[in-house]
Amino acid sequence: MGGYPEGAPCWADVSLSDLAAGRRFYGELFGWTFDEDTDERHGHYTNAFKDGRRVAALQPKSDGRMPTSWTVYLATPDVRALTARIRAAGGSLITDPMPVPPHGTLAIAADPGGAVFGLWQGEEHTGFELTRAPGAYCWSEVYTRDTDRADAFFESVFGYRGADADVLGEGGADFRLWSLPGAGPGPGAAVVGRGLMSDAFPAALPEHFLVYFSVEDCDAAAGACTRLGGRVTAEPFDIPYGRMAVLNDNQGAVFAVLQGSDA
């Protein structure tokens, strides 16, 4: 497995208050198995596997005030140079670059609107070993109330090429697909999306990234989420790329599932 190009989503993890409860929830929902030899050096960070390949991670919150949430990480060959560009473009750093030997170096950043995302300079751990398969990561998108600001930030920092897309059909929500530099814009090459937070979103909901996982049956996944103690935020509905739902796990972390993902 090679490394990921800069700006490509390469990893995702969730911060939870109860790691054992998270293992039970995601283990049953996605069929994940987990590291059994986590240690205190890395805060009991727990890798999740699907069919023996690394797909995500669970980590216990070190401070109860931290959000219970999923974080997507964007790859970079030079995390310090990237953080300088982020600051120059109006973003901020929540966690300065921090080596995690021998795995790599991480940082946590926020765009000018406050949407949080991770940066990962991989070494021994380059990221996902499986994507776009049932139980594995398949997509991410940032939701913002100021699309011009978000477009300017991400397209300048990462060099993304943008193309507007109609993801809900017949003139639906303002949505943009971003491709990596050198790739043609549009659905076939897109790596990240950008959506508008309309008045339909709660006023108290901050700007954020939404992480998607592929599933074989969206409706069944939504039902399983409820049965496992989670909650369905957006009931299953059809989009041009398949059928999706937005879910909360049994501790409140929000994520989405997508059936039939070719995005």
Foldseek 3Di string as FASTA:
>chain_A
DDFDEFFFFFAKEWEFQDVVLVCVQLCVLQVWDWDPDADPLVQSWIFIDDPRWTAYIYHYDPDPVDDGAMAIEGEDQDQVVLQVLQVVLQKAWPAPWDADPPFFIKTWIAHNQGAIHMYTNGDNHRGGPDAPDGSHWDAKEWEDQDVVSVCSNCCRSQVWDKDWDDFAPDPDFTKIFTAHPPDDYDDQRGRYMYTYDDPVDDPPDGTYMATEGEHQDAQVSQVSQVVSQKHWPAHWDATPQAIKTWIAHNRGYIHMYGHNGPD
